[in-house]
């Protein structure tokens, strides 16, 4: 869609944002999600593809690319979400780099709508308990 009619894509995304929807560029760093999209598209956040996140624990170049991409997103006024987060060492590194949000199996495997409702209720209770029993920090992971 974006490749076939970029002007229409920009217009539609702009209208979606004007009614209060956030627009994310998914799988950033792969396929058609290029730096040109950062310049030309009215987006709010980048979702950094898991192919950059997974190897960063053992690969300094991968970690540097993630850190640099987070800096690039922030300097462009965008939020960034790390996809494919599966262990706490990655969360710690992403936190140091200033990543805004993360998604992946560390937080939850895919669930049905009913399971999601139960998970959210349990999470809300855990956060309320944590807030009342200690210093609570807003944590977006």
N, C-alpha and C. Protein backbone atom coordinates (compact mmCIF):
# COMPACT_ATOMS: atom_id res chain seq x y z
N UNK A 1 0.82 -1.19 0.00
CA UNK A 1 0.00 0.00 0.00
C UNK A 1 0.87 1.26 0.00
N UNK A 2 1.85 1.28 0.88
CA UNK A 2 2.74 2.43 0.97
C UNK A 2 3.55 2.61 -0.30
N UNK A 3 4.02 1.50 -0.86
CA UNK A 3 4.82 1.58 -2.07
C UNK A 3 3.98 1.97 -3.28
N UNK A 4 2.73 1.52 -3.33
CA UNK A 4 1.87 1.80 -4.48
C UNK A 4 1.41 3.24 -4.53
N UNK A 5 1.09 3.83 -3.38
CA UNK A 5 0.58 5.20 -3.37
C UNK A 5 1.04 5.90 -2.08
N UNK A 6 2.30 6.33 -2.04
CA UNK A 6 2.84 6.94 -0.82
C UNK A 6 2.04 8.17 -0.37
N UNK A 7 1.58 8.98 -1.30
CA UNK A 7 0.82 10.17 -0.94
C UNK A 7 -0.47 9.82 -0.21
N UNK A 8 -1.17 8.81 -0.70
CA UNK A 8 -2.40 8.37 -0.05
C UNK A 8 -2.10 7.79 1.33
N UNK A 9 -1.03 7.02 1.42
CA UNK A 9 -0.65 6.44 2.72
C UNK A 9 -0.39 7.54 3.74
N UNK A 10 0.36 8.57 3.35
CA UNK A 10 0.66 9.68 4.26
C UNK A 10 -0.63 10.39 4.66
N UNK A 11 -1.53 10.60 3.71
CA UNK A 11 -2.81 11.27 4.02
C UNK A 11 -3.64 10.45 4.99
N UNK A 12 -3.74 9.16 4.77
CA UNK A 12 -4.54 8.30 5.66
C UNK A 12 -3.93 8.25 7.05
N UNK A 13 -2.61 8.06 7.13
CA UNK A 13 -1.96 8.02 8.44
C UNK A 13 -2.13 9.35 9.17
N UNK A 14 -2.02 10.45 8.44
CA UNK A 14 -2.23 11.76 9.05
C UNK A 14 -3.63 11.92 9.61
N UNK A 15 -4.63 11.43 8.86
CA UNK A 15 -6.01 11.51 9.36
C UNK A 15 -6.20 10.63 10.60
N UNK A 16 -5.61 9.46 10.59
CA UNK A 16 -5.72 8.58 11.77
C UNK A 16 -5.12 9.26 13.01
N UNK A 17 -3.98 9.88 12.82
CA UNK A 17 -3.35 10.59 13.95
C UNK A 17 -4.19 11.77 14.41
N UNK A 18 -4.87 12.43 13.47
CA UNK A 18 -5.67 13.61 13.81
C UNK A 18 -6.88 13.26 14.68
N UNK A 19 -7.30 11.99 14.65
CA UNK A 19 -8.42 11.58 15.51
C UNK A 19 -7.92 10.91 16.79
N UNK A 20 -6.61 10.99 17.02
CA UNK A 20 -6.06 10.52 18.29
C UNK A 20 -5.45 9.14 18.29
N UNK A 21 -5.37 8.49 17.14
CA UNK A 21 -4.73 7.18 17.09
C UNK A 21 -3.22 7.34 16.97
N UNK A 22 -2.50 6.45 17.62
CA UNK A 22 -1.04 6.42 17.47
C UNK A 22 -0.69 5.50 16.33
N UNK A 23 0.30 5.88 15.55
CA UNK A 23 0.72 5.08 14.40
C UNK A 23 2.12 4.54 14.68
N UNK A 24 2.23 3.22 14.55
CA UNK A 24 3.51 2.54 14.76
C UNK A 24 4.02 1.97 13.45
N UNK A 25 5.34 2.05 13.27
CA UNK A 25 5.99 1.41 12.14
C UNK A 25 6.56 0.09 12.66
N UNK A 26 5.92 -1.01 12.27
CA UNK A 26 6.24 -2.33 12.78
C UNK A 26 7.47 -2.91 12.07
N UNK A 27 8.18 -3.78 12.77
CA UNK A 27 9.34 -4.51 12.22
C UNK A 27 10.39 -3.57 11.64
N UNK A 28 10.63 -2.46 12.33
CA UNK A 28 11.60 -1.49 11.84
C UNK A 28 12.97 -2.14 11.69
N UNK A 29 13.63 -1.83 10.58
CA UNK A 29 14.95 -2.36 10.30
C UNK A 29 14.94 -3.50 9.31
N UNK A 30 13.75 -3.97 8.94
CA UNK A 30 13.65 -5.08 8.00
C UNK A 30 12.69 -4.71 6.87
N UNK A 31 12.76 -5.42 5.80
CA UNK A 31 11.81 -5.26 4.69
C UNK A 31 11.70 -3.84 4.19
N UNK A 32 10.48 -3.33 4.14
CA UNK A 32 10.21 -2.01 3.58
C UNK A 32 10.32 -0.88 4.59
N UNK A 33 10.63 -1.17 5.85
CA UNK A 33 10.70 -0.11 6.86
C UNK A 33 12.10 0.51 6.86
N UNK A 34 12.26 1.57 6.11
CA UNK A 34 13.56 2.20 5.93
C UNK A 34 13.62 3.55 6.64
N UNK A 35 14.82 4.13 6.64
CA UNK A 35 14.99 5.47 7.22
C UNK A 35 14.14 6.50 6.48
N UNK A 36 13.89 6.28 5.21
CA UNK A 36 13.05 7.18 4.44
C UNK A 36 11.66 7.27 5.07
N UNK A 37 11.16 6.15 5.59
CA UNK A 37 9.85 6.16 6.24
C UNK A 37 9.84 7.08 7.47
N UNK A 38 10.96 7.14 8.18
CA UNK A 38 11.03 8.03 9.34
C UNK A 38 10.87 9.48 8.92
N UNK A 39 11.45 9.80 7.80
CA UNK A 39 11.41 11.16 7.29
C UNK A 39 10.04 11.52 6.73
N UNK A 40 9.40 10.58 6.04
CA UNK A 40 8.22 10.91 5.25
C UNK A 40 6.88 10.55 5.88
N UNK A 41 6.85 9.60 6.80
CA UNK A 41 5.57 9.14 7.32
C UNK A 41 5.20 9.82 8.64
N UNK A 42 3.92 10.12 8.81
CA UNK A 42 3.46 10.67 10.08
C UNK A 42 3.25 9.52 11.09
N UNK A 43 4.32 9.17 11.79
CA UNK A 43 4.26 8.05 12.74
C UNK A 43 4.62 8.55 14.14
N UNK A 44 4.27 7.73 15.13
CA UNK A 44 4.52 8.07 16.53
C UNK A 44 5.57 7.19 17.18
N UNK A 45 5.69 5.96 16.66
CA UNK A 45 6.64 5.06 17.29
C UNK A 45 7.17 4.05 16.29
N UNK A 46 8.36 3.56 16.62
CA UNK A 46 9.00 2.47 15.87
C UNK A 46 8.95 1.22 16.71
N UNK A 47 8.69 0.11 16.07
CA UNK A 47 8.79 -1.18 16.72
C UNK A 47 10.02 -1.86 16.11
N UNK A 48 11.09 -1.91 16.89
CA UNK A 48 12.36 -2.45 16.41
C UNK A 48 12.27 -3.96 16.33
N UNK A 49 12.53 -4.49 15.15
CA UNK A 49 12.37 -5.91 14.88
C UNK A 49 13.22 -6.77 15.81
N UNK A 50 12.65 -7.91 16.16
CA UNK A 50 13.31 -8.86 17.06
C UNK A 50 14.66 -9.34 16.53
N UNK A 51 14.87 -9.30 15.22
CA UNK A 51 16.14 -9.75 14.66
C UNK A 51 17.30 -8.88 15.11
N UNK A 52 17.02 -7.68 15.63
CA UNK A 52 18.06 -6.83 16.21
C UNK A 52 18.17 -7.06 17.72
N UNK A 53 17.04 -7.39 18.35
CA UNK A 53 16.99 -7.53 19.81
C UNK A 53 17.62 -8.84 20.27
N UNK A 54 17.25 -9.93 19.66
CA UNK A 54 17.69 -11.26 20.10
C UNK A 54 19.21 -11.40 20.20
N UNK A 55 19.98 -10.98 19.19
CA UNK A 55 21.43 -11.21 19.27
C UNK A 55 22.20 -10.19 20.11
N UNK A 56 21.55 -9.16 20.63
CA UNK A 56 22.32 -8.10 21.27
C UNK A 56 23.04 -8.52 22.55
N UNK A 57 22.61 -9.60 23.19
CA UNK A 57 23.27 -10.07 24.41
C UNK A 57 24.70 -10.53 24.12
N UNK A 58 24.90 -11.18 22.96
CA UNK A 58 26.19 -11.77 22.63
C UNK A 58 26.94 -11.05 21.51
N UNK A 59 26.35 -10.02 20.94
CA UNK A 59 26.93 -9.38 19.78
C UNK A 59 27.01 -7.88 20.00
N UNK A 60 28.21 -7.35 20.24
CA UNK A 60 28.35 -5.92 20.49
C UNK A 60 27.84 -5.04 19.34
N UNK A 61 27.97 -5.50 18.11
CA UNK A 61 27.46 -4.72 16.97
C UNK A 61 25.93 -4.64 17.02
N UNK A 62 25.29 -5.74 17.34
CA UNK A 62 23.83 -5.74 17.46
C UNK A 62 23.39 -4.80 18.57
N UNK A 63 24.10 -4.82 19.71
CA UNK A 63 23.77 -3.92 20.82
C UNK A 63 23.96 -2.47 20.41
N UNK A 64 25.03 -2.19 19.67
CA UNK A 64 25.27 -0.81 19.22
C UNK A 64 24.18 -0.35 18.26
N UNK A 65 23.72 -1.23 17.39
CA UNK A 65 22.64 -0.88 16.47
C UNK A 65 21.34 -0.59 17.22
N UNK A 66 21.05 -1.39 18.23
CA UNK A 66 19.84 -1.15 19.04
C UNK A 66 19.94 0.18 19.76
N UNK A 67 21.06 0.42 20.42
CA UNK A 67 21.26 1.68 21.15
C UNK A 67 21.16 2.88 20.21
N UNK A 68 21.78 2.78 19.05
CA UNK A 68 21.75 3.88 18.08
C UNK A 68 20.36 4.10 17.52
N UNK A 69 19.63 3.03 17.30
CA UNK A 69 18.26 3.16 16.79
C UNK A 69 17.36 3.82 17.82
N UNK A 70 17.54 3.48 19.08
CA UNK A 70 16.77 4.13 20.15
C UNK A 70 17.08 5.62 20.17
N UNK A 71 18.36 5.98 20.08
CA UNK A 71 18.74 7.40 20.04
C UNK A 71 18.15 8.10 18.82
N UNK A 72 18.19 7.44 17.67
CA UNK A 72 17.64 8.01 16.45
C UNK A 72 16.13 8.25 16.60
N UNK A 73 15.43 7.28 17.12
CA UNK A 73 13.98 7.43 17.32
C UNK A 73 13.68 8.60 18.24
N UNK A 74 14.37 8.65 19.36
CA UNK A 74 14.11 9.73 20.32
C UNK A 74 14.46 11.10 19.74
N UNK A 75 15.55 11.19 19.00
CA UNK A 75 15.92 12.48 18.41
C UNK A 75 14.95 12.90 17.32
N UNK A 76 14.17 11.94 16.80
CA UNK A 76 13.14 12.24 15.81
C UNK A 76 11.77 12.43 16.45
N UNK A 77 11.72 12.42 17.78
CA UNK A 77 10.46 12.61 18.49
C UNK A 77 9.58 11.39 18.52
N UNK A 78 10.16 10.22 18.34
CA UNK A 78 9.39 8.98 18.30
C UNK A 78 9.66 8.14 19.54
N UNK A 79 8.66 7.37 19.93
CA UNK A 79 8.82 6.35 20.96
C UNK A 79 9.36 5.10 20.27
N UNK A 80 9.93 4.20 21.07
CA UNK A 80 10.45 2.96 20.48
C UNK A 80 10.04 1.76 21.32
N UNK A 81 9.65 0.70 20.63
CA UNK A 81 9.24 -0.56 21.25
C UNK A 81 10.19 -1.64 20.75
N UNK A 82 10.76 -2.40 21.65
CA UNK A 82 11.62 -3.53 21.28
C UNK A 82 10.74 -4.77 21.17
N UNK A 83 10.81 -5.44 20.03
CA UNK A 83 10.05 -6.67 19.80
C UNK A 83 10.90 -7.88 20.15
N UNK A 84 10.26 -8.93 20.62
CA UNK A 84 10.94 -10.20 20.82
C UNK A 84 11.79 -10.28 22.07
N UNK A 85 11.43 -9.56 23.11
CA UNK A 85 12.19 -9.58 24.37
C UNK A 85 11.85 -10.85 25.13
N UNK A 86 12.89 -11.64 25.41
CA UNK A 86 12.65 -12.94 26.02
C UNK A 86 13.44 -13.19 27.30
N UNK A 87 14.31 -12.28 27.71
CA UNK A 87 15.01 -12.51 28.97
C UNK A 87 15.36 -11.19 29.66
N UNK A 88 15.63 -11.29 30.95
CA UNK A 88 15.84 -10.10 31.77
C UNK A 88 17.14 -9.37 31.42
N UNK A 89 18.15 -10.06 30.91
CA UNK A 89 19.40 -9.39 30.51
C UNK A 89 19.12 -8.40 29.38
N UNK A 90 18.26 -8.78 28.47
CA UNK A 90 17.88 -7.88 27.37
C UNK A 90 17.10 -6.69 27.93
N UNK A 91 16.20 -6.94 28.87
CA UNK A 91 15.43 -5.84 29.48
C UNK A 91 16.38 -4.85 30.15
N UNK A 92 17.37 -5.35 30.87
CA UNK A 92 18.33 -4.46 31.53
C UNK A 92 19.08 -3.60 30.53
N UNK A 93 19.53 -4.19 29.43
CA UNK A 93 20.24 -3.43 28.41
C UNK A 93 19.31 -2.41 27.76
N UNK A 94 18.10 -2.81 27.42
CA UNK A 94 17.14 -1.88 26.81
C UNK A 94 16.83 -0.72 27.74
N UNK A 95 16.74 -1.00 29.03
CA UNK A 95 16.49 0.06 30.01
C UNK A 95 17.65 1.04 30.03
N UNK A 96 18.88 0.53 30.02
CA UNK A 96 20.07 1.41 29.97
C UNK A 96 20.07 2.27 28.72
N UNK A 97 19.62 1.71 27.61
CA UNK A 97 19.62 2.45 26.34
C UNK A 97 18.45 3.44 26.23
N UNK A 98 17.50 3.35 27.16
CA UNK A 98 16.37 4.29 27.15
C UNK A 98 15.18 3.84 26.32
N UNK A 99 15.08 2.55 26.05
CA UNK A 99 13.94 2.03 25.29
C UNK A 99 12.64 2.32 26.04
N UNK A 100 11.61 2.73 25.30
CA UNK A 100 10.36 3.13 25.92
C UNK A 100 9.48 1.95 26.35
N UNK A 101 9.39 0.94 25.52
CA UNK A 101 8.53 -0.21 25.80
C UNK A 101 9.15 -1.46 25.19
N UNK A 102 8.65 -2.60 25.64
CA UNK A 102 9.11 -3.87 25.10
C UNK A 102 7.93 -4.82 25.01
N UNK A 103 8.05 -5.75 24.09
CA UNK A 103 7.06 -6.80 24.00
C UNK A 103 7.78 -8.10 23.71
N UNK A 104 7.22 -9.19 24.17
CA UNK A 104 7.84 -10.49 23.92
C UNK A 104 7.42 -11.50 24.95
N UNK A 105 7.95 -12.70 24.80
CA UNK A 105 7.57 -13.82 25.65
C UNK A 105 7.96 -13.61 27.11
N UNK A 106 8.90 -12.73 27.39
CA UNK A 106 9.23 -12.47 28.80
C UNK A 106 8.02 -11.90 29.52
N UNK A 107 7.24 -11.06 28.82
CA UNK A 107 6.05 -10.47 29.42
C UNK A 107 4.86 -11.41 29.34
N UNK A 108 4.65 -12.02 28.17
CA UNK A 108 3.53 -12.94 27.99
C UNK A 108 3.60 -13.60 26.63
N UNK A 109 3.17 -14.83 26.57
CA UNK A 109 2.94 -15.49 25.29
C UNK A 109 1.60 -15.00 24.74
N UNK A 110 1.32 -15.17 23.46
CA UNK A 110 0.01 -14.78 22.94
C UNK A 110 -1.10 -15.48 23.72
N UNK A 111 -2.16 -14.73 24.00
CA UNK A 111 -3.28 -15.26 24.79
C UNK A 111 -4.61 -14.92 24.11
N UNK A 112 -5.64 -15.66 24.49
CA UNK A 112 -6.99 -15.41 23.98
C UNK A 112 -7.54 -14.16 24.69
N UNK A 113 -8.63 -13.59 24.17
CA UNK A 113 -9.23 -12.41 24.82
C UNK A 113 -9.59 -12.67 26.29
N UNK A 114 -10.14 -13.85 26.60
CA UNK A 114 -10.48 -14.16 27.99
C UNK A 114 -9.24 -14.23 28.87
N UNK A 115 -8.20 -14.88 28.36
CA UNK A 115 -6.95 -14.97 29.11
C UNK A 115 -6.34 -13.58 29.31
N UNK A 116 -6.45 -12.72 28.30
CA UNK A 116 -5.93 -11.37 28.42
C UNK A 116 -6.64 -10.60 29.52
N UNK A 117 -7.95 -10.73 29.58
CA UNK A 117 -8.72 -10.06 30.62
C UNK A 117 -8.26 -10.51 32.00
N UNK A 118 -8.10 -11.81 32.19
CA UNK A 118 -7.62 -12.34 33.48
C UNK A 118 -6.21 -11.86 33.78
N UNK A 119 -5.33 -11.85 32.75
CA UNK A 119 -3.94 -11.41 32.94
C UNK A 119 -3.91 -9.95 33.36
N UNK A 120 -4.70 -9.11 32.68
CA UNK A 120 -4.74 -7.68 33.01
C UNK A 120 -5.26 -7.45 34.43
N UNK A 121 -6.28 -8.18 34.83
CA UNK A 121 -6.82 -8.06 36.19
C UNK A 121 -5.75 -8.43 37.21
N UNK A 122 -5.05 -9.54 36.98
CA UNK A 122 -3.99 -9.96 37.90
C UNK A 122 -2.85 -8.96 37.93
N UNK A 123 -2.50 -8.43 36.79
CA UNK A 123 -1.41 -7.43 36.71
C UNK A 123 -1.79 -6.17 37.45
N UNK A 124 -3.02 -5.72 37.26
CA UNK A 124 -3.50 -4.52 37.94
C UNK A 124 -3.45 -4.70 39.47
N UNK A 125 -3.87 -5.87 39.94
CA UNK A 125 -3.83 -6.15 41.38
C UNK A 125 -2.39 -6.17 41.90
N UNK A 126 -1.50 -6.79 41.14
CA UNK A 126 -0.10 -6.85 41.56
C UNK A 126 0.51 -5.45 41.62
N UNK A 127 0.19 -4.60 40.64
CA UNK A 127 0.72 -3.24 40.64
C UNK A 127 0.16 -2.43 41.81
N UNK A 128 -1.13 -2.60 42.09
CA UNK A 128 -1.73 -1.89 43.22
C UNK A 128 -1.10 -2.34 44.54
N UNK A 129 -0.87 -3.63 44.68
CA UNK A 129 -0.24 -4.15 45.89
C UNK A 129 1.18 -3.61 46.01
N UNK A 130 1.91 -3.60 44.93
CA UNK A 130 3.27 -3.08 44.92
C UNK A 130 3.29 -1.60 45.28
N UNK A 131 2.34 -0.84 44.74
CA UNK A 131 2.28 0.61 44.99
C UNK A 131 1.98 0.91 46.44
N UNK A 132 1.18 0.08 47.07
CA UNK A 132 0.81 0.36 48.45
C UNK A 132 1.85 -0.15 49.45
N UNK A 133 2.72 -1.08 49.02
CA UNK A 133 3.65 -1.66 49.97
C UNK A 133 5.08 -1.14 49.85
N UNK A 134 5.37 -0.39 48.79
CA UNK A 134 6.74 0.10 48.63
C UNK A 134 6.74 1.30 47.70
N UNK A 135 7.93 1.83 47.48
CA UNK A 135 8.07 2.88 46.48
C UNK A 135 7.76 2.27 45.12
N UNK A 136 6.77 2.82 44.46
CA UNK A 136 6.33 2.27 43.18
C UNK A 136 6.85 3.14 42.05
N UNK A 137 7.45 2.52 41.08
CA UNK A 137 7.90 3.23 39.90
C UNK A 137 7.09 2.72 38.72
N UNK A 138 6.67 3.62 37.87
CA UNK A 138 5.93 3.23 36.67
C UNK A 138 6.87 2.48 35.76
N UNK A 139 6.55 1.23 35.48
CA UNK A 139 7.41 0.35 34.70
C UNK A 139 6.63 -0.16 33.52
N UNK A 140 7.07 0.12 32.31
CA UNK A 140 6.30 -0.15 31.11
C UNK A 140 6.67 -1.44 30.41
N UNK A 141 7.24 -2.41 31.07
CA UNK A 141 7.65 -3.63 30.38
C UNK A 141 6.56 -4.66 30.49
